[in-house]
Amino acid sequence: MSENNDKHGLAINILKFQYFNFEFFNCQEIVLYETIIVLGGISFAKKEEFYHSTQTLAGKTGIKVHSINKILRKFKDLGIIDYQIKGMPQVKHLRILWDNILEMLPEIYQFDKVEEYFGGSTQPLIDFYKQLAENNEKISENNEEKNIIKNNTEEYEKKIKKEIEENAIAEDEENAVIFFLEELKAIFRNRIEQYNRDNEDYKDYVSLTIKNSVIKKMYWTLKFKEKTDIKNAFLAFSDDMLYMRVKPKLDALSYFLKEEKGEFPVIDTYKLHFIINYSTK
């Protein structure tokens, strides 16, 4: 068997490639964008910088060095990345501006092509961004372990619930969950402010209740759902509450975190709602 000498190991999924907006990025820009997103994916959770020389990026993409520098300047001007030149030898220390990218997704991708390329499903795009915070090896190990347990759904649920009941949430984990719930409260406050800017019937700010049961539910939910997905779903859910399109009988967070046999129907519904109605704005 001949040795694989292809130094351009990053492959672009052809379906997702067609999904890009070619009036926003040209082909070389798409390749470099995908490369930076994958190389910098580990920074997704901590928003940390990473570094690569222009020559390294050229080697990984096959794009000439002068074109790399030109495209990086464009990405910086667009607010996709920021970078500083440091060290000896000097290399670019890149920081991906994830929040800006999420806002620009409707410009970066052709959302009106969802039906043509993905049969109406945005799942390939969702999956891609969900995986950025973890390396592929960890994702593979976690998925393999979960799939083995999920062969028996009832056993899977009992195993995790028993673990939670018998082992109190560690203080640092509980604090992390509470901090994340505070982020959801901030989203709700921002949506009230947006509602009041757009409508004449002023709504007073009402703080969401964080019960002990809600903390436990969120701890459980975070075993299955990515924080970004939960935040996006909660934004859409908040607007539906403010516009009275949904009227939870339980407190808002308890209703939002509803779980049925390992599934989270409210979060899943509003995650899709966010993709359809917010990412295309």
Foldseek 3Di string as FASTA:
>chain_A
DDDDPQQQPDDDDVLVLQQFDCVQPPPLLVQLVVVCLQVQLQCVVVQAWAWDALVRSCSNRVDDSVVSVVSVVVCVVQQQWDWDWDDVVTITTIGGPVVSVLLCLLNGGPLVCCCVRPVNDPVVVVVVSLPSNDDPVVVVVVVVVLVVQVVPLVSNVCVVVVVPVVDPDDPVLLVVLVVLVVVLQVLLVVVLVVCVVVDVPRDDRDGADDDPVLSSLSSVVVVPDDSVLQSLLSNQVSNCVVVVVDDDPDGPSCLQSDDDSNDRVSSVVSSVVSVVPPSND
